[in-house]
């Protein structure tokens, strides 16, 4: 089953739960498997310009900087789950999870396309499902803990559940100056 879709340049990418990542160069008429992303479980796909990011179950994060022609393994850890990916300017936020090792879990920030990572989850629960951003405000959605915001690239996070009727947030989207949760 398809778990995520994203358009990077003129390519469409589909992530699946068991079969990996696929690319279409002709608007979905034909699809080819992307063998460079070796994890068959794709949780999330995010794009910014010609850069693409794939969050996986067993191999963390893969990044492309050329519209998906070449994918590189660039996660904070090699064998963790990348549950959510957020982009704010040149910053990449990744929710990284590894069962049994809670001290390794959390939100990580890269300011250099995944070359280096810093843990930025002060005051956050560990199970971030999704991200959205408006300018320099980054929102993180949690399965059971609602929505948190950072205005300083993850140095501090604040709970912002005012008006949220359900704390189980599996998706966030930013449109203009509004955040929508699902």
N, C-alpha and C. Protein backbone atom coordinates (compact mmCIF):
# COMPACT_ATOMS: atom_id res chain seq x y z
N UNK A 1 0.83 -1.19 0.00
CA UNK A 1 0.00 0.00 0.00
C UNK A 1 0.87 1.25 0.00
N UNK A 2 0.37 2.31 -0.57
CA UNK A 2 1.09 3.57 -0.68
C UNK A 2 0.91 4.35 0.61
N UNK A 3 2.04 4.78 1.19
CA UNK A 3 2.02 5.51 2.45
C UNK A 3 2.33 7.00 2.29
N UNK A 4 2.96 7.37 1.17
CA UNK A 4 3.33 8.77 0.98
C UNK A 4 3.53 9.06 -0.50
N UNK A 5 3.22 10.29 -0.89
CA UNK A 5 3.44 10.78 -2.26
C UNK A 5 4.11 12.14 -2.19
N UNK A 6 5.00 12.41 -3.15
CA UNK A 6 5.61 13.73 -3.24
C UNK A 6 6.05 13.98 -4.67
N UNK A 7 6.04 15.24 -5.07
CA UNK A 7 6.55 15.66 -6.37
C UNK A 7 7.87 16.38 -6.14
N UNK A 8 8.91 15.93 -6.84
CA UNK A 8 10.23 16.56 -6.76
C UNK A 8 10.66 16.87 -8.19
N UNK A 9 10.73 18.16 -8.51
CA UNK A 9 11.00 18.54 -9.89
C UNK A 9 9.86 18.05 -10.76
N UNK A 10 10.17 17.36 -11.84
CA UNK A 10 9.13 16.82 -12.72
C UNK A 10 8.83 15.35 -12.42
N UNK A 11 9.36 14.82 -11.32
CA UNK A 11 9.15 13.43 -10.94
C UNK A 11 8.13 13.31 -9.81
N UNK A 12 7.39 12.21 -9.82
CA UNK A 12 6.48 11.87 -8.72
C UNK A 12 7.05 10.64 -8.04
N UNK A 13 7.08 10.67 -6.70
CA UNK A 13 7.57 9.54 -5.92
C UNK A 13 6.46 9.00 -5.05
N UNK A 14 6.38 7.69 -4.97
CA UNK A 14 5.41 7.01 -4.12
C UNK A 14 6.16 6.10 -3.15
N UNK A 15 5.92 6.29 -1.87
CA UNK A 15 6.49 5.42 -0.85
C UNK A 15 5.48 4.38 -0.46
N UNK A 16 5.95 3.17 -0.19
CA UNK A 16 5.05 2.08 0.17
C UNK A 16 5.45 1.49 1.52
N UNK A 17 4.55 0.70 2.07
CA UNK A 17 4.81 0.09 3.37
C UNK A 17 5.68 -1.15 3.29
N UNK A 18 5.69 -1.84 2.17
CA UNK A 18 6.47 -3.08 2.07
C UNK A 18 7.36 -3.19 0.84
N UNK A 19 7.16 -2.31 -0.14
CA UNK A 19 7.87 -2.47 -1.41
C UNK A 19 8.87 -1.37 -1.72
N UNK A 20 9.03 -0.39 -0.84
CA UNK A 20 10.05 0.63 -1.05
C UNK A 20 9.53 1.87 -1.75
N UNK A 21 10.43 2.52 -2.48
CA UNK A 21 10.16 3.79 -3.13
C UNK A 21 10.11 3.61 -4.64
N UNK A 22 9.14 4.29 -5.28
CA UNK A 22 8.95 4.21 -6.73
C UNK A 22 8.92 5.62 -7.31
N UNK A 23 9.39 5.75 -8.58
CA UNK A 23 9.41 7.04 -9.27
C UNK A 23 8.69 6.95 -10.60
N UNK A 24 7.94 8.01 -10.89
CA UNK A 24 7.33 8.16 -12.20
C UNK A 24 7.86 9.43 -12.83
N UNK A 25 8.30 9.31 -14.08
CA UNK A 25 8.79 10.48 -14.81
C UNK A 25 7.78 10.95 -15.87
N UNK A 26 6.61 10.28 -15.87
CA UNK A 26 5.59 10.62 -16.88
C UNK A 26 4.20 10.74 -16.25
N UNK A 27 4.13 11.47 -15.15
CA UNK A 27 2.86 11.77 -14.48
C UNK A 27 2.08 10.54 -14.04
N UNK A 28 2.78 9.51 -13.62
CA UNK A 28 2.13 8.34 -13.05
C UNK A 28 1.73 7.25 -14.02
N UNK A 29 2.07 7.39 -15.29
CA UNK A 29 1.73 6.35 -16.27
C UNK A 29 2.59 5.11 -16.03
N UNK A 30 3.89 5.31 -15.80
CA UNK A 30 4.80 4.19 -15.52
C UNK A 30 5.57 4.49 -14.24
N UNK A 31 5.94 3.43 -13.52
CA UNK A 31 6.67 3.56 -12.26
C UNK A 31 7.87 2.62 -12.27
N UNK A 32 8.99 3.10 -11.72
CA UNK A 32 10.17 2.25 -11.55
C UNK A 32 10.62 2.32 -10.10
N UNK A 33 11.13 1.20 -9.60
CA UNK A 33 11.60 1.12 -8.22
C UNK A 33 12.92 1.88 -8.08
N UNK A 34 13.06 2.61 -6.97
CA UNK A 34 14.29 3.33 -6.65
C UNK A 34 15.10 2.43 -5.73
N UNK A 35 16.11 1.78 -6.29
CA UNK A 35 16.89 0.80 -5.53
C UNK A 35 17.83 1.43 -4.52
N UNK A 36 18.15 2.71 -4.66
CA UNK A 36 19.08 3.36 -3.73
C UNK A 36 18.48 3.52 -2.33
N UNK A 37 17.16 3.54 -2.23
CA UNK A 37 16.49 3.58 -0.94
C UNK A 37 16.18 2.12 -0.59
N UNK A 38 17.06 1.52 0.22
CA UNK A 38 17.02 0.07 0.41
C UNK A 38 16.06 -0.39 1.49
N UNK A 39 15.39 0.51 2.18
CA UNK A 39 14.41 0.13 3.19
C UNK A 39 13.04 -0.01 2.52
N UNK A 40 12.34 -1.14 2.66
CA UNK A 40 11.05 -1.31 1.99
C UNK A 40 9.90 -0.56 2.65
N UNK A 41 10.11 0.00 3.83
CA UNK A 41 9.06 0.68 4.58
C UNK A 41 9.29 2.19 4.54
N UNK A 42 8.52 2.89 3.72
CA UNK A 42 8.63 4.34 3.61
C UNK A 42 7.49 4.95 4.43
N UNK A 43 7.85 5.73 5.46
CA UNK A 43 6.84 6.38 6.31
C UNK A 43 6.38 7.72 5.76
N UNK A 44 7.34 8.51 5.26
CA UNK A 44 7.00 9.87 4.87
C UNK A 44 7.93 10.35 3.75
N UNK A 45 7.41 11.22 2.91
CA UNK A 45 8.18 11.86 1.84
C UNK A 45 7.93 13.36 1.90
N UNK A 46 9.00 14.15 1.78
CA UNK A 46 8.89 15.60 1.83
C UNK A 46 9.81 16.16 0.75
N UNK A 47 9.40 17.28 0.13
CA UNK A 47 10.22 17.92 -0.90
C UNK A 47 10.41 19.40 -0.59
N UNK A 48 11.56 19.90 -1.01
CA UNK A 48 11.83 21.33 -1.01
C UNK A 48 12.67 21.62 -2.24
N UNK A 49 12.06 22.23 -3.24
CA UNK A 49 12.76 22.47 -4.50
C UNK A 49 13.14 21.15 -5.15
N UNK A 50 14.41 21.01 -5.51
CA UNK A 50 14.87 19.75 -6.11
C UNK A 50 15.37 18.76 -5.06
N UNK A 51 15.25 19.12 -3.78
CA UNK A 51 15.65 18.22 -2.69
C UNK A 51 14.45 17.39 -2.24
N UNK A 52 14.71 16.13 -1.95
CA UNK A 52 13.67 15.25 -1.45
C UNK A 52 14.18 14.49 -0.24
N UNK A 53 13.24 14.11 0.63
CA UNK A 53 13.58 13.45 1.88
C UNK A 53 12.62 12.28 2.07
N UNK A 54 13.17 11.10 2.36
CA UNK A 54 12.36 9.90 2.58
C UNK A 54 12.65 9.37 3.98
N UNK A 55 11.62 9.31 4.80
CA UNK A 55 11.74 8.73 6.14
C UNK A 55 11.34 7.27 6.10
N UNK A 56 12.21 6.40 6.64
CA UNK A 56 11.99 4.96 6.54
C UNK A 56 11.94 4.30 7.91
N UNK A 57 11.56 3.03 7.91
CA UNK A 57 11.40 2.29 9.15
C UNK A 57 12.73 1.79 9.73
N UNK A 58 13.58 1.22 8.92
CA UNK A 58 14.80 0.58 9.43
C UNK A 58 16.09 1.31 9.10
N UNK A 59 16.03 2.33 8.26
CA UNK A 59 17.27 2.99 7.83
C UNK A 59 17.21 4.50 7.98
N UNK A 60 16.28 5.00 8.77
CA UNK A 60 16.15 6.42 9.07
C UNK A 60 15.85 7.24 7.83
N UNK A 61 16.78 8.07 7.38
CA UNK A 61 16.48 9.10 6.39
C UNK A 61 17.36 8.97 5.15
N UNK A 62 16.73 9.19 3.98
CA UNK A 62 17.43 9.28 2.71
C UNK A 62 17.16 10.65 2.12
N UNK A 63 18.17 11.23 1.44
CA UNK A 63 18.07 12.57 0.88
C UNK A 63 18.52 12.54 -0.58
N UNK A 64 17.78 13.27 -1.42
CA UNK A 64 18.21 13.51 -2.79
C UNK A 64 18.33 15.02 -2.98
N UNK A 65 19.34 15.45 -3.71
CA UNK A 65 19.52 16.87 -4.01
C UNK A 65 19.44 17.15 -5.50
N UNK A 66 19.02 16.13 -6.27
CA UNK A 66 18.98 16.28 -7.73
C UNK A 66 17.68 15.72 -8.32
N UNK A 67 16.56 16.07 -7.71
CA UNK A 67 15.22 15.67 -8.19
C UNK A 67 15.02 14.16 -8.16
N UNK A 68 15.76 13.46 -7.34
CA UNK A 68 15.52 12.03 -7.17
C UNK A 68 16.37 11.12 -8.02
N UNK A 69 17.35 11.65 -8.72
CA UNK A 69 18.21 10.79 -9.53
C UNK A 69 19.16 9.96 -8.67
N UNK A 70 19.60 10.53 -7.55
CA UNK A 70 20.51 9.83 -6.65
C UNK A 70 20.06 10.08 -5.21
N UNK A 71 19.92 9.01 -4.42
CA UNK A 71 19.50 9.10 -3.02
C UNK A 71 20.65 8.67 -2.11
N UNK A 72 20.87 9.43 -1.05
CA UNK A 72 21.93 9.13 -0.10
C UNK A 72 21.35 8.90 1.29
N UNK A 73 21.90 7.94 1.99
CA UNK A 73 21.49 7.64 3.36
C UNK A 73 22.09 8.69 4.28
N UNK A 74 21.25 9.49 4.98
CA UNK A 74 21.77 10.61 5.76
C UNK A 74 21.07 10.80 7.10
N UNK A 75 20.54 9.77 7.71
CA UNK A 75 19.80 9.94 8.95
C UNK A 75 20.68 10.19 10.15
N UNK A 76 20.06 10.65 11.25
CA UNK A 76 20.81 10.84 12.49
C UNK A 76 21.44 9.53 12.98
N UNK A 77 20.73 8.42 12.78
CA UNK A 77 21.23 7.09 13.10
C UNK A 77 21.02 6.21 11.88
N UNK A 78 21.72 5.10 11.80
CA UNK A 78 21.61 4.23 10.63
C UNK A 78 20.41 3.29 10.67
N UNK A 79 19.98 2.89 11.87
CA UNK A 79 18.99 1.81 11.95
C UNK A 79 17.73 2.20 12.72
N UNK A 80 17.39 3.48 12.77
CA UNK A 80 16.21 3.95 13.49
C UNK A 80 15.08 4.26 12.52
N UNK A 81 13.91 4.53 13.08
CA UNK A 81 12.75 4.91 12.29
C UNK A 81 12.69 6.43 12.19
N UNK A 82 12.52 6.94 10.99
CA UNK A 82 12.29 8.36 10.78
C UNK A 82 10.78 8.54 10.61
N UNK A 83 10.10 8.87 11.70
CA UNK A 83 8.64 8.94 11.69
C UNK A 83 8.11 10.18 10.99
N UNK A 84 8.79 11.30 11.15
CA UNK A 84 8.34 12.54 10.55
C UNK A 84 9.51 13.37 10.08
N UNK A 85 9.27 14.17 9.05
CA UNK A 85 10.29 15.07 8.50
C UNK A 85 9.66 16.44 8.33
N UNK A 86 10.38 17.47 8.76
CA UNK A 86 9.92 18.84 8.58
C UNK A 86 11.00 19.71 7.99
N UNK A 87 10.61 20.66 7.17
CA UNK A 87 11.56 21.57 6.53
C UNK A 87 11.17 22.99 6.92
N UNK A 88 12.14 23.76 7.37
CA UNK A 88 11.93 25.18 7.67
C UNK A 88 13.16 25.93 7.17
N UNK A 89 13.02 26.63 6.06
CA UNK A 89 14.18 27.29 5.46
C UNK A 89 15.20 26.24 5.04
N UNK A 90 16.43 26.37 5.52
CA UNK A 90 17.48 25.39 5.23
C UNK A 90 17.59 24.32 6.31
N UNK A 91 16.67 24.31 7.26
CA UNK A 91 16.72 23.35 8.36
C UNK A 91 15.86 22.13 8.08
N UNK A 92 16.39 20.96 8.45
CA UNK A 92 15.66 19.70 8.34
C UNK A 92 15.43 19.19 9.76
N UNK A 93 14.18 18.91 10.09
CA UNK A 93 13.83 18.31 11.36
C UNK A 93 13.40 16.87 11.10
N UNK A 94 13.91 15.93 11.91
CA UNK A 94 13.55 14.52 11.78
C UNK A 94 13.16 13.98 13.14
N UNK A 95 12.04 13.30 13.18
CA UNK A 95 11.64 12.58 14.38
C UNK A 95 12.21 11.18 14.27
N UNK A 96 13.13 10.85 15.15
CA UNK A 96 13.85 9.58 15.09
C UNK A 96 13.43 8.71 16.26
N UNK A 97 13.15 7.44 15.99
CA UNK A 97 12.64 6.54 17.02
C UNK A 97 13.31 5.18 16.90
N UNK A 98 13.68 4.62 18.05
CA UNK A 98 14.22 3.27 18.09
C UNK A 98 13.68 2.58 19.34
N UNK A 99 12.82 1.57 19.16
CA UNK A 99 12.23 0.90 20.32
C UNK A 99 13.31 0.33 21.23
N UNK A 100 13.14 0.52 22.52
CA UNK A 100 14.07 -0.04 23.48
C UNK A 100 15.23 0.87 23.85
N UNK A 101 15.41 1.96 23.12
CA UNK A 101 16.50 2.90 23.41
C UNK A 101 15.94 4.32 23.52
N UNK A 102 15.17 4.63 24.57
CA UNK A 102 14.52 5.94 24.66
C UNK A 102 15.48 7.11 24.68
N UNK A 103 16.71 6.91 25.15
CA UNK A 103 17.65 8.04 25.16
C UNK A 103 18.09 8.45 23.76
N UNK A 104 17.95 7.55 22.78
CA UNK A 104 18.29 7.87 21.39
C UNK A 104 17.13 8.53 20.64
N UNK A 105 15.92 8.38 21.16
CA UNK A 105 14.74 8.89 20.47
C UNK A 105 14.65 10.40 20.59
N UNK A 106 13.99 11.03 19.61
CA UNK A 106 13.76 12.46 19.71
C UNK A 106 13.74 13.16 18.37
N UNK A 107 13.75 14.47 18.45
CA UNK A 107 13.77 15.31 17.26
C UNK A 107 15.21 15.78 17.03
N UNK A 108 15.65 15.66 15.78
CA UNK A 108 17.00 16.05 15.41
C UNK A 108 16.94 17.12 14.34
N UNK A 109 17.90 18.02 14.35
CA UNK A 109 17.97 19.13 13.42
C UNK A 109 19.28 19.07 12.64
N UNK A 110 19.17 19.25 11.32
CA UNK A 110 20.35 19.40 10.48
C UNK A 110 20.23 20.73 9.74
N UNK A 111 21.31 21.48 9.74
CA UNK A 111 21.36 22.75 9.01
C UNK A 111 22.20 22.63 7.74
N UNK A 112 22.71 21.40 7.45
CA UNK A 112 23.59 21.21 6.30
C UNK A 112 23.20 19.96 5.50
N UNK A 113 21.91 19.83 5.23
CA UNK A 113 21.37 18.75 4.37
C UNK A 113 21.71 17.35 4.88
N UNK A 114 21.74 17.19 6.19
CA UNK A 114 21.91 15.86 6.75
C UNK A 114 23.33 15.43 7.02
N UNK A 115 24.30 16.31 6.80
CA UNK A 115 25.68 15.94 7.11
C UNK A 115 25.91 15.80 8.61
N UNK A 116 25.29 16.70 9.40
CA UNK A 116 25.42 16.66 10.86
C UNK A 116 24.05 16.84 11.49
N UNK A 117 23.87 16.28 12.67
CA UNK A 117 22.58 16.33 13.37
C UNK A 117 22.78 16.73 14.82
N UNK A 118 21.82 17.52 15.34
CA UNK A 118 21.80 17.93 16.73
C UNK A 118 20.44 17.58 17.31
N UNK A 119 20.43 16.97 18.49
CA UNK A 119 19.17 16.64 19.15
C UNK A 119 18.54 17.92 19.70
N UNK A 120 17.26 18.17 19.34
CA UNK A 120 16.57 19.42 19.73
C UNK A 120 15.18 19.11 20.28
N UNK A 121 15.11 18.22 21.25
CA UNK A 121 13.80 17.84 21.75
C UNK A 121 13.58 18.20 23.21
N UNK A 122 14.18 19.29 23.68
CA UNK A 122 13.98 19.73 25.05
C UNK A 122 12.51 20.04 25.30
N UNK A 123 11.89 19.30 26.21
CA UNK A 123 10.49 19.51 26.56
C UNK A 123 9.49 18.80 25.67
N UNK A 124 9.96 17.93 24.79
CA UNK A 124 9.05 17.22 23.87
C UNK A 124 8.86 15.77 24.28
N UNK A 125 7.64 15.23 24.07
CA UNK A 125 7.50 13.78 24.10
C UNK A 125 8.30 13.18 22.94
N UNK A 126 8.51 11.89 22.92
CA UNK A 126 9.40 11.30 21.91
C UNK A 126 8.70 10.87 20.61
N UNK A 127 7.40 10.88 20.55
CA UNK A 127 6.72 10.27 19.40
C UNK A 127 6.14 11.28 18.42
N UNK A 128 6.99 12.12 17.85
CA UNK A 128 6.54 13.08 16.84
C UNK A 128 6.13 12.32 15.58
N UNK A 129 4.94 12.60 15.09
CA UNK A 129 4.43 11.95 13.88
C UNK A 129 4.61 12.81 12.63
N UNK A 130 4.60 14.15 12.80
CA UNK A 130 4.60 15.01 11.62
C UNK A 130 5.06 16.42 12.00
N UNK A 131 5.41 17.19 10.98
CA UNK A 131 5.84 18.57 11.15
C UNK A 131 5.16 19.45 10.10
N UNK A 132 5.06 20.73 10.42
CA UNK A 132 4.67 21.76 9.45
C UNK A 132 5.34 23.04 9.90
N UNK A 133 5.57 23.97 8.96
CA UNK A 133 6.22 25.22 9.35
C UNK A 133 5.58 26.40 8.64
N UNK A 134 5.60 27.52 9.36
CA UNK A 134 5.20 28.82 8.82
C UNK A 134 6.36 29.76 9.15
N UNK A 135 7.07 30.17 8.12
CA UNK A 135 8.28 30.98 8.24
C UNK A 135 9.24 30.27 9.20
N UNK A 136 9.57 30.83 10.35
CA UNK A 136 10.51 30.18 11.27
C UNK A 136 9.81 29.45 12.41
N UNK A 137 8.48 29.38 12.39
CA UNK A 137 7.73 28.63 13.39
C UNK A 137 7.56 27.20 12.91
N UNK A 138 8.05 26.24 13.69
CA UNK A 138 7.93 24.83 13.34
C UNK A 138 6.97 24.17 14.32
N UNK A 139 5.99 23.46 13.78
CA UNK A 139 4.99 22.76 14.57
C UNK A 139 5.25 21.27 14.49
N UNK A 140 5.10 20.58 15.61
CA UNK A 140 5.29 19.13 15.67
C UNK A 140 4.00 18.50 16.18
N UNK A 141 3.50 17.51 15.46
CA UNK A 141 2.28 16.80 15.85
C UNK A 141 2.60 15.45 16.45
N UNK A 142 1.87 15.09 17.50
CA UNK A 142 2.14 13.87 18.26
C UNK A 142 0.93 12.95 18.30
N UNK A 143 1.18 11.66 18.37
CA UNK A 143 0.12 10.68 18.55
C UNK A 143 -0.26 10.59 20.02
N UNK A 144 -1.13 11.49 20.47
CA UNK A 144 -1.61 11.47 21.84
C UNK A 144 -1.21 12.66 22.66
N UNK A 145 -0.29 13.48 22.17
CA UNK A 145 0.19 14.63 22.94
C UNK A 145 -0.08 15.96 22.27
N UNK A 146 -0.81 15.99 21.18
CA UNK A 146 -1.18 17.24 20.55
C UNK A 146 -0.11 17.87 19.70
N UNK A 147 -0.02 19.20 19.76
CA UNK A 147 0.87 19.98 18.90
C UNK A 147 1.79 20.85 19.75
N UNK A 148 3.06 20.87 19.38
CA UNK A 148 4.05 21.73 20.00
C UNK A 148 4.61 22.68 18.94
N UNK A 149 5.13 23.82 19.39
CA UNK A 149 5.73 24.80 18.48
C UNK A 149 7.12 25.19 18.99
N UNK A 150 8.03 25.42 18.06
CA UNK A 150 9.31 26.06 18.37
C UNK A 150 9.45 27.27 17.46
N UNK A 151 9.98 28.34 18.03
CA UNK A 151 10.23 29.55 17.26
C UNK A 151 11.73 29.81 17.15
N UNK A 152 12.54 28.86 17.68
CA UNK A 152 13.99 29.04 17.69
C UNK A 152 14.72 27.76 17.28
N UNK A 153 14.23 27.13 16.22
CA UNK A 153 14.87 25.94 15.64
C UNK A 153 15.05 24.79 16.62
N UNK A 154 14.10 24.63 17.52
CA UNK A 154 14.11 23.48 18.41
C UNK A 154 14.81 23.68 19.73
N UNK A 155 15.34 24.86 20.00
CA UNK A 155 15.97 25.07 21.31
C UNK A 155 14.96 24.93 22.43
N UNK A 156 13.72 25.40 22.19
CA UNK A 156 12.63 25.24 23.14
C UNK A 156 11.35 24.91 22.37
N UNK A 157 10.50 24.12 23.00
CA UNK A 157 9.22 23.74 22.42
C UNK A 157 8.12 24.08 23.43
N UNK A 158 6.95 24.46 22.93
CA UNK A 158 5.83 24.84 23.79
C UNK A 158 4.56 24.15 23.28
N UNK A 159 3.79 23.58 24.19
CA UNK A 159 2.52 22.95 23.85
C UNK A 159 1.52 24.01 23.40
N UNK A 160 0.86 23.78 22.26
CA UNK A 160 -0.12 24.74 21.72
C UNK A 160 -1.39 24.00 21.31
N UNK A 161 -2.09 23.44 22.29
CA UNK A 161 -3.30 22.65 22.01
C UNK A 161 -4.58 23.44 22.16
N UNK A 162 -4.51 24.76 22.28
CA UNK A 162 -5.70 25.57 22.46
C UNK A 162 -6.67 25.37 21.28
N UNK A 163 -7.86 24.86 21.57
CA UNK A 163 -8.86 24.62 20.54
C UNK A 163 -8.75 23.27 19.85
N UNK A 164 -7.74 22.48 20.17
CA UNK A 164 -7.56 21.16 19.56
C UNK A 164 -8.43 20.15 20.30
N UNK A 165 -9.37 19.53 19.61
CA UNK A 165 -10.31 18.63 20.28
C UNK A 165 -9.78 17.21 20.44
N UNK A 166 -8.76 16.83 19.71
CA UNK A 166 -8.22 15.48 19.79
C UNK A 166 -6.68 15.57 19.79
N UNK A 167 -6.02 15.02 20.83
CA UNK A 167 -4.56 15.13 20.90
C UNK A 167 -3.81 14.16 20.00
N UNK A 168 -4.51 13.31 19.26
CA UNK A 168 -3.86 12.37 18.33
C UNK A 168 -3.72 13.04 16.98
N UNK A 169 -2.52 13.52 16.69
CA UNK A 169 -2.26 14.28 15.47
C UNK A 169 -1.33 13.45 14.59
N UNK A 170 -1.85 13.02 13.44
CA UNK A 170 -1.07 12.22 12.51
C UNK A 170 -0.60 12.99 11.29
N UNK A 171 -1.18 14.17 11.06
CA UNK A 171 -0.74 14.98 9.93
C UNK A 171 -0.96 16.46 10.23
N UNK A 172 -0.07 17.28 9.72
CA UNK A 172 -0.17 18.73 9.82
C UNK A 172 0.10 19.32 8.44
N UNK A 173 -0.59 20.40 8.13
CA UNK A 173 -0.31 21.13 6.90
C UNK A 173 -0.42 22.62 7.20
N UNK A 174 0.47 23.40 6.61
CA UNK A 174 0.47 24.85 6.75
C UNK A 174 -0.03 25.46 5.44
N UNK A 175 -1.04 26.32 5.56
CA UNK A 175 -1.54 27.07 4.40
C UNK A 175 -1.60 28.52 4.82
N UNK A 176 -0.81 29.35 4.16
CA UNK A 176 -0.65 30.75 4.52
C UNK A 176 -0.20 30.84 5.98
N UNK A 177 -1.00 31.42 6.85
CA UNK A 177 -0.63 31.53 8.25
C UNK A 177 -1.44 30.60 9.15
N UNK A 178 -2.04 29.57 8.54
CA UNK A 178 -2.87 28.63 9.30
C UNK A 178 -2.25 27.25 9.33
N UNK A 179 -2.43 26.56 10.45
CA UNK A 179 -2.02 25.16 10.61
C UNK A 179 -3.27 24.32 10.72
N UNK A 180 -3.33 23.24 9.95
CA UNK A 180 -4.45 22.30 10.01
C UNK A 180 -3.92 20.95 10.48
N UNK A 181 -4.65 20.34 11.41
CA UNK A 181 -4.24 19.06 11.98
C UNK A 181 -5.24 17.97 11.62
N UNK A 182 -4.72 16.78 11.38
CA UNK A 182 -5.58 15.64 11.06
C UNK A 182 -5.15 14.42 11.81
